[in-house]
Structure formats: structure tokens, C-alpha cells
């Protein structure tokens, strides 16, 4: 999975089919190779059109990593088996590289309710179906999103005790101001060999002005002659975390991909690490 990706959610340009198609094509032609989407975002078809446009211009499908997500309303063994293949039809692809369970169950799906299942039974049935879809080649990998440590341990037990697919990825909110809870998820994933994808790696949209005001980040950005956004992305990359900042602007895409062009030294990393212990900086962290 490429560490630098493009998130296809949560901005105006992610909900207009023409803009989505152009955004994906631009990103792939600029050298990006990781597209992060979800059934919930309602833009699968436009994302797929953008991928095919780029392929017609020479980008190889095998070099593109496509992620999508299964929403909890369609959890359950049978529902998962029937729903995920429709993603391929919508995207116009023969396989996807990664399917994530979009979130832990907050309310049981129709299938699980009708069968009188517990949350644990519903989760296990969903994971069993995803494991089978992985074996069939519908998806190359399976993982989770927004799962906390307790949820991860439960899913890991399914994999270990039932011989099901391992958790390839956990996607959750992560940035330089992340809470102790997010740090605990990060630590567990690292210890368990679960890859991490961070969303809001630059902070949510209403944090941006405050982020720009953090003196530590401003000093490090000046030292490397880089925008603060690049510093934040580079910090995550050096932590081994994949990032998926969203943008419909090709210039911003170039800036985000440019995070590979420099390296933060040990002192830089330590200074940024300390931000999570800075009371003033911690006020910037909000669960979006």
C-alpha cells in the first residue's frame, strides 16, 4: 500500500461526479497511486472513471492501490458477500486492493437483527465473508476503520481462532495532536503488525488556521523550506503511517506528494512528538 494517498471524502469536490473523475485522474497522472474511497461516499462510479482515464494515459492498474469501505448497515455474512461485489461493478474494476469495515457496529444491520445475532456474532460473520471474498480475489486485502484497541483485539481473535484473514489495515484519525487514545491504537497496531492509514492527518478543516499558528511547526517548516502541511505529512510517513489528505486542487496534490522530497531529523521528530504533551497544542485536537 503506497503511504501517500488521496482521500475521496468530506469536501465539496468529493460529491460532484465531474470533479471526482478529474480529481482522481489528476492525482494519478501526478504520480499518486493510492485512492481511498468508500461506498458511503456515493462516488464509486466517478472514482472508477477517473482511474480508467488515467489508465488510458499509461498508468497501470497494478500500480494503483484502491481502497473502499463496507458500511455497518450492510454487515453480516450474506449481506457482505452480496454487497462487496457490487463495488466492483460501480468502480468498473475486476478487483479492489483493500476493503475495510467502515466502523465498529453501533446498530446491528438488518441481516444481523433478523437473525437475532449479538454484535460479536455479526462482526464475525462479516469478517468471515470478507475473508472468503479475499480468497476469491474480489479484494486483495481486508481491514477495519475507526476500530479502537478493544475492537481490534476482538477481530484479531476471529483471525487467530477461526483461521480467517488477518487485519491488514486500521484506518483512524491520526495527526501530530492526536489524543492518548489514538496513540494507544497506533501502538497496538505497530505491535500487531497492522498497517495504519491516517485520516485528518493535517487536522480537520476547522483546525487549519490554528495549526498554522503552532510555533514548533512553523520553525521546522522554515528550517526545511516547506509548508507546515508537508511537515505534518512527513512526520506521519516517518512514523510508518499512510496518509490520505483530500484535495481537488492539483497544486495541493503536488504539495502533498512532495512530502517524499525531504526528511525530518531526529530532533525535528522529537519536537513534533512533544506537541501531544503540550496543553496549549492539545486544545487543537478535536474529534471530527
C-alpha atoms as a PDB file:
ATOM      1  CA  UNK A   1       0.000   0.000   0.000  1.00  0.00           C
ATOM      2  CA  UNK A   2       1.547   3.340  -1.010  1.00  0.00           C
ATOM      3  CA  UNK A   3       1.994   5.560   2.034  1.00  0.00           C
ATOM      4  CA  UNK A   4       0.766   8.719   0.323  1.00  0.00           C
ATOM      5  CA  UNK A   5      -2.824   8.580  -0.862  1.00  0.00           C
ATOM      6  CA  UNK A   6      -5.816  10.664  -1.868  1.00  0.00           C
ATOM      7  CA  UNK A   7      -8.912  10.686   0.333  1.00  0.00           C
ATOM      8  CA  UNK A   8     -12.207  10.886  -1.559  1.00  0.00           C
ATOM      9  CA  UNK A   9     -14.422  12.132   1.248  1.00  0.00           C
ATOM     10  CA  UNK A  10     -15.626  15.148   3.122  1.00  0.00           C
ATOM     11  CA  UNK A  11     -15.204  18.139   0.816  1.00  0.00           C
ATOM     12  CA  UNK A  12     -17.331  19.743  -1.867  1.00  0.00           C
ATOM     13  CA  UNK A  13     -15.228  18.365  -4.731  1.00  0.00           C
ATOM     14  CA  UNK A  14     -15.810  14.806  -3.470  1.00  0.00           C
ATOM     15  CA  UNK A  15     -19.548  14.927  -4.152  1.00  0.00           C
ATOM     16  CA  UNK A  16     -19.593  16.168  -7.738  1.00  0.00           C
ATOM     17  CA  UNK A  17     -19.073  13.379 -10.261  1.00  0.00           C
ATOM     18  CA  UNK A  18     -17.229  15.531 -12.797  1.00  0.00           C
ATOM     19  CA  UNK A  19     -14.866  16.893 -10.150  1.00  0.00           C
ATOM     20  CA  UNK A  20     -14.313  13.463  -8.626  1.00  0.00           C
ATOM     21  CA  UNK A  21     -13.403  11.995 -12.004  1.00  0.00           C
ATOM     22  CA  UNK A  22     -10.980  14.832 -12.758  1.00  0.00           C
ATOM     23  CA  UNK A  23      -9.516  14.744  -9.249  1.00  0.00           C
ATOM     24  CA  UNK A  24      -8.660  11.041  -9.451  1.00  0.00           C
ATOM     25  CA  UNK A  25      -7.201  11.383 -12.946  1.00  0.00           C
ATOM     26  CA  UNK A  26      -5.092  14.404 -11.989  1.00  0.00           C
ATOM     27  CA  UNK A  27      -3.786  12.672  -8.887  1.00  0.00           C
ATOM     28  CA  UNK A  28      -2.763   9.528 -10.731  1.00  0.00           C
ATOM     29  CA  UNK A  29      -1.117  11.474 -13.554  1.00  0.00           C
ATOM     30  CA  UNK A  30       0.845  13.468 -10.955  1.00  0.00           C
ATOM     31  CA  UNK A  31       2.314  10.229  -9.643  1.00  0.00           C
ATOM     32  CA  UNK A  32      -0.047   9.371  -6.784  1.00  0.00           C
ATOM     33  CA  UNK A  33      -1.036   5.713  -6.632  1.00  0.00           C
ATOM     34  CA  UNK A  34      -3.339   5.275  -3.624  1.00  0.00           C
ATOM     35  CA  UNK A  35      -7.064   6.146  -3.805  1.00  0.00           C
ATOM     36  CA  UNK A  36      -9.094   5.887  -0.600  1.00  0.00           C
ATOM     37  CA  UNK A  37     -12.860   5.690  -1.041  1.00  0.00           C
ATOM     38  CA  UNK A  38     -15.972   4.141   0.483  1.00  0.00           C
ATOM     39  CA  UNK A  39     -19.429   3.035  -0.520  1.00  0.00           C
ATOM     40  CA  UNK A  40     -20.788   5.669   1.877  1.00  0.00           C
ATOM     41  CA  UNK A  41     -19.216   8.477  -0.174  1.00  0.00           C
ATOM     42  CA  UNK A  42     -21.511   7.676  -3.131  1.00  0.00           C
ATOM     43  CA  UNK A  43     -18.817   8.392  -5.728  1.00  0.00           C
ATOM     44  CA  UNK A  44     -17.588   4.913  -6.724  1.00  0.00           C
ATOM     45  CA  UNK A  45     -18.586   5.323 -10.376  1.00  0.00           C
ATOM     46  CA  UNK A  46     -16.804   8.659 -10.785  1.00  0.00           C
ATOM     47  CA  UNK A  47     -13.721   7.328  -8.982  1.00  0.00           C
ATOM     48  CA  UNK A  48     -13.650   4.360 -11.341  1.00  0.00           C
ATOM     49  CA  UNK A  49     -13.995   6.620 -14.377  1.00  0.00           C
ATOM     50  CA  UNK A  50     -11.038   8.670 -13.161  1.00  0.00           C
ATOM     51  CA  UNK A  51      -8.957   5.524 -12.726  1.00  0.00           C
ATOM     52  CA  UNK A  52      -9.796   4.327 -16.227  1.00  0.00           C
ATOM     53  CA  UNK A  53      -8.995   7.769 -17.685  1.00  0.00           C
ATOM     54  CA  UNK A  54      -5.555   7.581 -16.089  1.00  0.00           C
ATOM     55  CA  UNK A  55      -5.064   4.022 -17.328  1.00  0.00           C
ATOM     56  CA  UNK A  56      -5.809   5.181 -20.876  1.00  0.00           C
ATOM     57  CA  UNK A  57      -2.938   7.653 -20.411  1.00  0.00           C
ATOM     58  CA  UNK A  58      -0.474   4.968 -19.385  1.00  0.00           C
ATOM     59  CA  UNK A  59      -0.966   4.395 -15.640  1.00  0.00           C
ATOM     60  CA  UNK A  60      -1.049   0.662 -14.956  1.00  0.00           C
ATOM     61  CA  UNK A  61      -3.891  -0.787 -12.886  1.00  0.00           C
ATOM     62  CA  UNK A  62      -1.463  -2.993 -10.965  1.00  0.00           C
ATOM     63  CA  UNK A  63       0.328   0.135  -9.749  1.00  0.00           C
ATOM     64  CA  UNK A  64      -2.855   1.696  -8.316  1.00  0.00           C
ATOM     65  CA  UNK A  65      -3.994   0.795  -4.804  1.00  0.00           C
ATOM     66  CA  UNK A  66      -7.770   1.188  -4.451  1.00  0.00           C
ATOM     67  CA  UNK A  67      -9.406   1.132  -1.025  1.00  0.00           C
ATOM     68  CA  UNK A  68     -13.123   1.115  -0.318  1.00  0.00           C
ATOM     69  CA  UNK A  69     -15.232   0.520   2.786  1.00  0.00           C
ATOM     70  CA  UNK A  70     -18.275  -1.510   3.768  1.00  0.00           C
ATOM     71  CA  UNK A  71     -20.750   0.435   5.917  1.00  0.00           C
ATOM     72  CA  UNK A  72     -22.194  -1.196   9.088  1.00  0.00           C
ATOM     73  CA  UNK A  73     -25.749  -1.230   7.696  1.00  0.00           C
ATOM     74  CA  UNK A  74     -24.620  -3.972   5.322  1.00  0.00           C
ATOM     75  CA  UNK A  75     -22.706  -6.065   7.861  1.00  0.00           C
ATOM     76  CA  UNK A  76     -23.495  -9.759   8.184  1.00  0.00           C
ATOM     77  CA  UNK A  77     -22.237 -12.805   6.297  1.00  0.00           C
ATOM     78  CA  UNK A  78     -24.753 -12.905   3.439  1.00  0.00           C
ATOM     79  CA  UNK A  79     -25.107  -9.151   3.129  1.00  0.00           C
ATOM     80  CA  UNK A  80     -21.333  -8.702   2.898  1.00  0.00           C
ATOM     81  CA  UNK A  81     -20.994 -11.442   0.281  1.00  0.00           C
ATOM     82  CA  UNK A  82     -23.643  -9.808  -1.892  1.00  0.00           C
ATOM     83  CA  UNK A  83     -22.695  -6.150  -1.312  1.00  0.00           C
ATOM     84  CA  UNK A  84     -18.924  -6.041  -1.827  1.00  0.00           C
ATOM     85  CA  UNK A  85     -19.021  -7.415  -5.405  1.00  0.00           C
ATOM     86  CA  UNK A  86     -21.349  -4.535  -6.344  1.00  0.00           C
ATOM     87  CA  UNK A  87     -18.462  -2.200  -5.513  1.00  0.00           C
ATOM     88  CA  UNK A  88     -16.528  -3.709  -8.417  1.00  0.00           C
ATOM     89  CA  UNK A  89     -19.440  -3.054 -10.751  1.00  0.00           C
ATOM     90  CA  UNK A  90     -19.685   0.565  -9.582  1.00  0.00           C
ATOM     91  CA  UNK A  91     -15.944   1.139  -9.873  1.00  0.00           C
ATOM     92  CA  UNK A  92     -15.649  -0.744 -13.153  1.00  0.00           C
ATOM     93  CA  UNK A  93     -12.744  -2.782 -11.784  1.00  0.00           C
ATOM     94  CA  UNK A  94     -12.077  -6.515 -11.646  1.00  0.00           C
ATOM     95  CA  UNK A  95     -10.789  -6.296  -8.049  1.00  0.00           C
ATOM     96  CA  UNK A  96     -10.049  -3.806  -5.292  1.00  0.00           C
ATOM     97  CA  UNK A  97      -6.885  -3.799  -3.257  1.00  0.00           C
ATOM     98  CA  UNK A  98      -8.445  -3.284   0.167  1.00  0.00           C
ATOM     99  CA  UNK A  99     -11.919  -3.436   1.711  1.00  0.00           C
ATOM    100  CA  UNK A 100     -12.344  -2.016   5.196  1.00  0.00           C
ATOM    101  CA  UNK A 101     -15.162  -2.439   7.660  1.00  0.00           C
ATOM    102  CA  UNK A 102     -16.059   1.249   7.915  1.00  0.00           C
ATOM    103  CA  UNK A 103     -16.676   1.308  11.675  1.00  0.00           C
ATOM    104  CA  UNK A 104     -17.422  -0.939  14.639  1.00  0.00           C
ATOM    105  CA  UNK A 105     -21.089  -1.795  14.920  1.00  0.00           C
ATOM    106  CA  UNK A 106     -23.186   0.916  16.548  1.00  0.00           C
ATOM    107  CA  UNK A 107     -26.509  -0.601  15.478  1.00  0.00           C
ATOM    108  CA  UNK A 108     -26.885  -4.089  14.058  1.00  0.00           C
ATOM    109  CA  UNK A 109     -27.557  -4.438  10.361  1.00  0.00           C
ATOM    110  CA  UNK A 110     -30.873  -5.745   9.070  1.00  0.00           C
ATOM    111  CA  UNK A 111     -29.459  -9.212   8.463  1.00  0.00           C
ATOM    112  CA  UNK A 112     -27.986  -9.468  11.941  1.00  0.00           C
ATOM    113  CA  UNK A 113     -31.110  -8.090  13.621  1.00  0.00           C
ATOM    114  CA  UNK A 114     -33.377 -10.539  11.818  1.00  0.00           C
ATOM    115  CA  UNK A 115     -31.145 -13.438  12.825  1.00  0.00           C
ATOM    116  CA  UNK A 116     -31.078 -12.266  16.451  1.00  0.00           C
ATOM    117  CA  UNK A 117     -27.292 -12.019  16.435  1.00  0.00           C
ATOM    118  CA  UNK A 118     -25.134 -10.338  19.005  1.00  0.00           C
ATOM    119  CA  UNK A 119     -22.701  -7.632  17.880  1.00  0.00           C
ATOM    120  CA  UNK A 120     -19.864 -10.136  18.166  1.00  0.00           C
ATOM    121  CA  UNK A 121     -21.658 -12.695  16.008  1.00  0.00           C
ATOM    122  CA  UNK A 122     -22.432 -10.048  13.406  1.00  0.00           C
ATOM    123  CA  UNK A 123     -18.823  -8.885  13.306  1.00  0.00           C
ATOM    124  CA  UNK A 124     -17.560 -12.426  12.971  1.00  0.00           C
ATOM    125  CA  UNK A 125     -19.964 -13.210  10.137  1.00  0.00           C
ATOM    126  CA  UNK A 126     -18.872 -10.071   8.315  1.00  0.00           C
ATOM    127  CA  UNK A 127     -15.199 -10.917   8.737  1.00  0.00           C
ATOM    128  CA  UNK A 128     -15.806 -14.492   7.570  1.00  0.00           C
ATOM    129  CA  UNK A 129     -17.429 -13.145   4.390  1.00  0.00           C
ATOM    130  CA  UNK A 130     -14.616 -10.664   3.796  1.00  0.00           C
ATOM    131  CA  UNK A 131     -12.086 -13.473   4.266  1.00  0.00           C
ATOM    132  CA  UNK A 132     -13.890 -15.538   1.624  1.00  0.00           C
ATOM    133  CA  UNK A 133     -14.025 -12.574  -0.756  1.00  0.00           C
ATOM    134  CA  UNK A 134     -10.280 -12.196  -0.274  1.00  0.00           C
ATOM    135  CA  UNK A 135      -9.769 -15.849  -1.179  1.00  0.00           C
ATOM    136  CA  UNK A 136     -11.870 -15.354  -4.324  1.00  0.00           C
ATOM    137  CA  UNK A 137      -9.783 -12.367  -5.401  1.00  0.00           C
ATOM    138  CA  UNK A 138     -12.606  -9.835  -5.164  1.00  0.00           C
ATOM    139  CA  UNK A 139     -10.304  -7.917  -2.821  1.00  0.00           C
ATOM    140  CA  UNK A 140      -6.609  -8.418  -2.202  1.00  0.00           C
ATOM    141  CA  UNK A 141      -6.720  -7.367   1.466  1.00  0.00           C
ATOM    142  CA  UNK A 142      -9.250  -6.737   4.243  1.00  0.00           C
ATOM    143  CA  UNK A 143      -9.107  -4.429   7.217  1.00  0.00           C
ATOM    144  CA  UNK A 144     -11.012  -2.099   9.502  1.00  0.00           C
ATOM    145  CA  UNK A 145     -11.594   1.594  10.072  1.00  0.00           C
ATOM    146  CA  UNK A 146     -12.245   3.570  13.256  1.00  0.00           C
ATOM    147  CA  UNK A 147     -11.606   0.486  15.402  1.00  0.00           C
ATOM    148  CA  UNK A 148     -10.231   1.045  18.905  1.00  0.00           C
ATOM    149  CA  UNK A 149      -7.933  -1.363  20.735  1.00  0.00           C
ATOM    150  CA  UNK A 150     -10.768  -3.412  22.249  1.00  0.00           C
ATOM    151  CA  UNK A 151     -12.388  -3.814  18.823  1.00  0.00           C
ATOM    152  CA  UNK A 152      -9.069  -4.796  17.251  1.00  0.00           C
ATOM    153  CA  UNK A 153      -8.443  -7.477  19.857  1.00  0.00           C
ATOM    154  CA  UNK A 154     -11.888  -8.919  19.212  1.00  0.00           C
ATOM    155  CA  UNK A 155     -11.263  -9.037  15.461  1.00  0.00           C
ATOM    156  CA  UNK A 156      -7.786 -10.489  15.945  1.00  0.00           C
ATOM    157  CA  UNK A 157      -9.324 -13.319  17.936  1.00  0.00           C
ATOM    158  CA  UNK A 158     -11.557 -14.160  14.949  1.00  0.00           C
ATOM    159  CA  UNK A 159      -8.498 -14.319  12.710  1.00  0.00           C
ATOM    160  CA  UNK A 160      -6.385 -16.357  15.074  1.00  0.00           C
ATOM    161  CA  UNK A 161      -9.013 -18.758  16.424  1.00  0.00           C
ATOM    162  CA  UNK A 162     -11.048 -19.173  13.260  1.00  0.00           C
ATOM    163  CA  UNK A 163      -8.268 -19.182  10.704  1.00  0.00           C
ATOM    164  CA  UNK A 164      -9.700 -16.108   8.999  1.00  0.00           C
ATOM    165  CA  UNK A 165      -7.861 -13.349   7.145  1.00  0.00           C
ATOM    166  CA  UNK A 166      -5.520 -11.148   9.189  1.00  0.00           C
ATOM    167  CA  UNK A 167      -6.319  -7.476   9.689  1.00  0.00           C
ATOM    168  CA  UNK A 168      -4.216  -5.767   7.041  1.00  0.00           C
ATOM    169  CA  UNK A 169      -5.020  -2.149   7.929  1.00  0.00           C
ATOM    170  CA  UNK A 170      -6.723   0.001  10.556  1.00  0.00           C
ATOM    171  CA  UNK A 171      -7.708   3.477   9.381  1.00  0.00           C
ATOM    172  CA  UNK A 172      -8.339   6.071  12.077  1.00  0.00           C
ATOM    173  CA  UNK A 173      -7.897   9.748  12.884  1.00  0.00           C
ATOM    174  CA  UNK A 174      -4.220  10.483  13.492  1.00  0.00           C
ATOM    175  CA  UNK A 175      -2.086  13.605  13.412  1.00  0.00           C
ATOM    176  CA  UNK A 176       0.535  15.436  15.452  1.00  0.00           C
ATOM    177  CA  UNK A 177      -2.075  16.434  18.054  1.00  0.00           C
ATOM    178  CA  UNK A 178      -3.670  13.004  18.453  1.00  0.00           C
ATOM    179  CA  UNK A 179      -5.071  12.042  21.830  1.00  0.00           C
ATOM    180  CA  UNK A 180      -3.627   9.381  24.161  1.00  0.00           C
ATOM    181  CA  UNK A 181      -6.403   7.087  22.957  1.00  0.00           C
ATOM    182  CA  UNK A 182      -5.262   7.418  19.347  1.00  0.00           C
ATOM    183  CA  UNK A 183      -1.674   6.837  20.463  1.00  0.00           C
ATOM    184  CA  UNK A 184      -2.778   3.591  22.145  1.00  0.00           C
ATOM    185  CA  UNK A 185      -4.393   2.446  18.875  1.00  0.00           C
ATOM    186  CA  UNK A 186      -1.205   3.328  16.988  1.00  0.00           C
ATOM    187  CA  UNK A 187       0.936   1.377  19.475  1.00  0.00           C
ATOM    188  CA  UNK A 188      -1.311  -1.686  19.308  1.00  0.00           C
ATOM    189  CA  UNK A 189      -1.284  -1.696  15.512  1.00  0.00           C
ATOM    190  CA  UNK A 190       2.500  -1.407  15.382  1.00  0.00           C
ATOM    191  CA  UNK A 191       2.898  -4.230  17.899  1.00  0.00           C
ATOM    192  CA  UNK A 192       0.423  -6.410  15.977  1.00  0.00           C
ATOM    193  CA  UNK A 193       1.821  -5.769  12.505  1.00  0.00           C
ATOM    194  CA  UNK A 194      -1.326  -3.958  11.362  1.00  0.00           C
ATOM    195  CA  UNK A 195      -0.651  -1.202   8.840  1.00  0.00           C
ATOM    196  CA  UNK A 196      -2.068   2.228   9.697  1.00  0.00           C
ATOM    197  CA  UNK A 197      -3.823   4.732   7.464  1.00  0.00           C
ATOM    198  CA  UNK A 198      -4.464   8.150   8.978  1.00  0.00           C
ATOM    199  CA  UNK A 199      -7.344  10.406   8.044  1.00  0.00           C
ATOM    200  CA  UNK A 200      -7.345  14.063   9.120  1.00  0.00           C
ATOM    201  CA  UNK A 201      -3.540  13.783   9.071  1.00  0.00           C
ATOM    202  CA  UNK A 202      -3.483  17.574   8.573  1.00  0.00           C
ATOM    203  CA  UNK A 203      -6.205  18.203  11.121  1.00  0.00           C
ATOM    204  CA  UNK A 204      -9.815  18.796  10.214  1.00  0.00           C
ATOM    205  CA  UNK A 205     -10.740  21.834   8.144  1.00  0.00           C
ATOM    206  CA  UNK A 206     -11.632  23.995  11.134  1.00  0.00           C
ATOM    207  CA  UNK A 207      -8.221  23.337  12.713  1.00  0.00           C
ATOM    208  CA  UNK A 208      -6.092  24.618   9.857  1.00  0.00           C
ATOM    209  CA  UNK A 209      -5.680  28.238  10.963  1.00  0.00           C
ATOM    210  CA  UNK A 210      -4.805  27.131  14.492  1.00  0.00           C
ATOM    211  CA  UNK A 211      -2.307  24.570  13.188  1.00  0.00           C
ATOM    212  CA  UNK A 212      -0.550  27.299  11.230  1.00  0.00           C
ATOM    213  CA  UNK A 213      -0.120  29.214  14.491  1.00  0.00           C
ATOM    214  CA  UNK A 214       1.853  26.475  16.286  1.00  0.00           C
ATOM    215  CA  UNK A 215       5.365  27.847  16.686  1.00  0.00           C
ATOM    216  CA  UNK A 216       7.117  24.445  16.699  1.00  0.00           C
ATOM    217  CA  UNK A 217       5.656  23.553  13.324  1.00  0.00           C
ATOM    218  CA  UNK A 218       6.425  26.991  11.927  1.00  0.00           C
ATOM    219  CA  UNK A 219      10.081  26.715  12.974  1.00  0.00           C
ATOM    220  CA  UNK A 220      10.535  23.249  11.473  1.00  0.00           C
ATOM    221  CA  UNK A 221       8.757  24.296   8.279  1.00  0.00           C
ATOM    222  CA  UNK A 222      11.105  27.291   7.927  1.00  0.00           C
ATOM    223  CA  UNK A 223      14.133  25.078   8.570  1.00  0.00           C
ATOM    224  CA  UNK A 224      13.205  22.778   5.685  1.00  0.00           C
ATOM    225  CA  UNK A 225      11.663  25.488   3.485  1.00  0.00           C
ATOM    226  CA  UNK A 226       8.422  23.520   3.369  1.00  0.00           C
ATOM    227  CA  UNK A 227       4.774  24.329   4.144  1.00  0.00           C
ATOM    228  CA  UNK A 228       3.500  23.178   7.539  1.00  0.00           C
ATOM    229  CA  UNK A 229       1.233  20.661   5.806  1.00  0.00           C
ATOM    230  CA  UNK A 230       4.286  18.916   4.343  1.00  0.00           C
ATOM    231  CA  UNK A 231       5.920  18.778   7.788  1.00  0.00           C
ATOM    232  CA  UNK A 232       2.834  17.142   9.291  1.00  0.00           C
ATOM    233  CA  UNK A 233       2.588  14.615   6.470  1.00  0.00           C
ATOM    234  CA  UNK A 234       6.303  13.834   6.601  1.00  0.00           C
ATOM    235  CA  UNK A 235       6.088  13.223  10.355  1.00  0.00           C
ATOM    236  CA  UNK A 236       3.345  10.639   9.788  1.00  0.00           C
ATOM    237  CA  UNK A 237       5.240   8.992   6.933  1.00  0.00           C
ATOM    238  CA  UNK A 238       8.330   8.630   9.102  1.00  0.00           C
ATOM    239  CA  UNK A 239       6.124   7.071  11.794  1.00  0.00           C
ATOM    240  CA  UNK A 240       5.234   4.416   9.238  1.00  0.00           C
ATOM    241  CA  UNK A 241       1.689   5.726   8.764  1.00  0.00           C
ATOM    242  CA  UNK A 242      -0.046   6.085   5.392  1.00  0.00           C
ATOM    243  CA  UNK A 243      -1.757   9.447   4.842  1.00  0.00           C
ATOM    244  CA  UNK A 244      -4.756  10.262   2.646  1.00  0.00           C
ATOM    245  CA  UNK A 245      -5.207  14.062   2.576  1.00  0.00           C
ATOM    246  CA  UNK A 246      -8.075  15.049   0.323  1.00  0.00           C
ATOM    247  CA  UNK A 247      -7.888  17.754  -2.306  1.00  0.00           C
ATOM    248  CA  UNK A 248      -9.412  18.552  -5.664  1.00  0.00           C
ATOM    249  CA  UNK A 249      -6.633  21.062  -6.386  1.00  0.00           C
ATOM    250  CA  UNK A 250      -3.692  19.702  -8.439  1.00  0.00           C
ATOM    251  CA  UNK A 251      -1.292  22.178  -6.816  1.00  0.00           C
ATOM    252  CA  UNK A 252      -2.220  20.932  -3.362  1.00  0.00           C
ATOM    253  CA  UNK A 253      -1.821  17.363  -4.563  1.00  0.00           C
ATOM    254  CA  UNK A 254       1.723  18.205  -5.725  1.00  0.00           C
ATOM    255  CA  UNK A 255       2.492  19.753  -2.323  1.00  0.00           C
ATOM    256  CA  UNK A 256       1.205  16.671  -0.519  1.00  0.00           C
ATOM    257  CA  UNK A 257       3.174  14.276  -2.710  1.00  0.00           C
ATOM    258  CA  UNK A 258       6.243  16.474  -2.164  1.00  0.00           C
ATOM    259  CA  UNK A 259       6.427  15.171   1.416  1.00  0.00           C
ATOM    260  CA  UNK A 260       8.740  12.481  -0.016  1.00  0.00           C
ATOM    261  CA  UNK A 261      11.303  15.077  -1.106  1.00  0.00           C
ATOM    262  CA  UNK A 262      12.868  15.736   2.320  1.00  0.00           C
ATOM    263  CA  UNK A 263      13.475  14.055   5.667  1.00  0.00           C
ATOM    264  CA  UNK A 264      12.889  15.249   9.220  1.00  0.00           C
ATOM    265  CA  UNK A 265      15.862  14.662  11.500  1.00  0.00           C
ATOM    266  CA  UNK A 266      15.630  13.071  14.944  1.00  0.00           C
ATOM    267  CA  UNK A 267      15.406  16.438  16.704  1.00  0.00           C
ATOM    268  CA  UNK A 268      12.529  17.517  14.439  1.00  0.00           C
ATOM    269  CA  UNK A 269      10.638  14.317  15.153  1.00  0.00           C
ATOM    270  CA  UNK A 270      11.131  14.640  18.898  1.00  0.00           C
ATOM    271  CA  UNK A 271       9.912  18.249  18.905  1.00  0.00           C
ATOM    272  CA  UNK A 272       6.767  17.268  17.000  1.00  0.00           C
ATOM    273  CA  UNK A 273       6.220  14.257  19.251  1.00  0.00           C
ATOM    274  CA  UNK A 274       6.179  16.592  22.243  1.00  0.00           C
ATOM    275  CA  UNK A 275       3.217  18.521  20.830  1.00  0.00           C
ATOM    276  CA  UNK A 276       0.874  15.814  22.067  1.00  0.00           C
ATOM    277  CA  UNK A 277       2.022  16.621  25.616  1.00  0.00           C
ATOM    278  CA  UNK A 278       1.691  20.400  25.158  1.00  0.00           C
ATOM    279  CA  UNK A 279      -1.501  21.569  26.874  1.00  0.00           C
ATOM    280  CA  UNK A 280      -1.936  24.516  24.517  1.00  0.00           C
ATOM    281  CA  UNK A 281      -1.368  22.421  21.409  1.00  0.00           C
ATOM    282  CA  UNK A 282      -3.636  19.659  22.712  1.00  0.00           C
ATOM    283  CA  UNK A 283      -6.567  22.063  22.614  1.00  0.00           C
ATOM    284  CA  UNK A 284      -6.258  21.947  18.833  1.00  0.00           C
ATOM    285  CA  UNK A 285      -7.137  18.265  18.762  1.00  0.00           C
ATOM    286  CA  UNK A 286     -10.845  17.688  18.278  1.00  0.00           C
ATOM    287  CA  UNK A 287     -12.665  14.560  17.266  1.00  0.00           C
ATOM    288  CA  UNK A 288     -14.249  15.454  13.955  1.00  0.00           C
END
